[in-house]
Amino acid sequence: MRSSALLVATALATLLPAQAPRHVPLIFDTDIGNDIDDVLALALIHALEARGECRLLAVTITKDHALAAPFVDAIDTFYGRGDVPIGVCRSGVTPGAGPYLGLANAVDDGTTRYPHDLASGTDAPDAVAVLRRVLADAADGSVAIAQVGFSTNLADLLASPADDISPLTGTELAHQKVRVLSLMAGAFTPIADQHGEPREYREYNVINDIPAARTVAASWPTPMIWSGFEVGLALRYPNASIARDFGWAPHHPVAAAYRLYAPQGEDRPCWDLTSVLAAVRPEHGYFELSEPGVVSVADNGVTTFAPGAAGQQRYLRLQDAARARIVEAFVLLASQPTR
């Protein structure tokens, strides 16, 4: 009998149009500021790039707060990649600061604690322009996108017309340049409510922009891998790692953000990291994949999956035996020291 890792690799080879490149060109689309797993996922991306496994082309943001882009710039600069393009949306969705974005303005004795160039998201370019530019410059069929926030930016990309950046529409650019869209969104098993009863689940990344989620689910032109709420819920980042593994930097922005988000020292679910691993390390067998099919988003935000051989979409399935290995990968990568 073939191992589950081999089964997953075989399934991905069937799903995707070409073998993943060694240095996966990656776009990270995030609602950073709304949870801490976005920050851990960005740290994980920088570790994977340091290992030669991916190349971060851009970070686009779906949280509409002026400090989200400076915070991303501070993280990228901390890891030595302060020139990564950053794009923002101006949707009005989740405009609150959250507990840790203010770290972008932290000062010690008159010196910026986490250096960065971008002072405000109001100075950042529009996310769609950034997406169009990096896709236009990319090799055909090469780019992986990890969408771990709302579908706002990608829906707007699909609707974008040809312009001076590219003679292709957004849909044509995505079809020509993107290899796979790996998105943390939806739920594909019932989730227990406060009374312990399993219910249909309206997942956060979907319900904050349902029209955009419906557009991406129905119209995205390349293979898609969905990581449902149930997957990350079962994979918790250990708070003990924050105290133990990040001390190599006297002021570590990832650890500082975690402490502000989880001041009681709780372990946190790791939804967003799953989509990054699925995009960059599909051959590692961390997850099993559903059969191919199509995901639909209802008017109320509930996601459903209909199997069908002609579909280009699958969703991740987590096996209990894989949990410890996946969490270990999260910890080793997210806490990896910079060179």
Foldseek 3Di string as FASTA:
>chain_A
DDDLLVVLVVQVVVLWDDDADQAFEEEEEEQPQPALLSVLLVLLVLLCVVVSLYDDQAYEHEHAEWLPVLQVLLQCVQQPRNPRAYAYAHDPFNHDRHQASCLSVDDDPNHNPRDHDRPTNVPHHHLLVSVLQSLLVAQWLRHEYEHEAALVNLLVLQVAAQDPNGNHGSLVSQQGRHGEYQYEAAAEFFDQDPVGDGDQDQDHNCQSPVVSVQSCLVRRNGFYEYEYPVVQVLAWQQLVLLVVQQVVDVDNSSSVRVCRNCVVSHTGGNRRNVSVCCRRPSSRSLWHKDAAFGWHADPNRHIYTDHDNPHSYIYTDHDPVSRVVVSVSSSCSSRPDRD
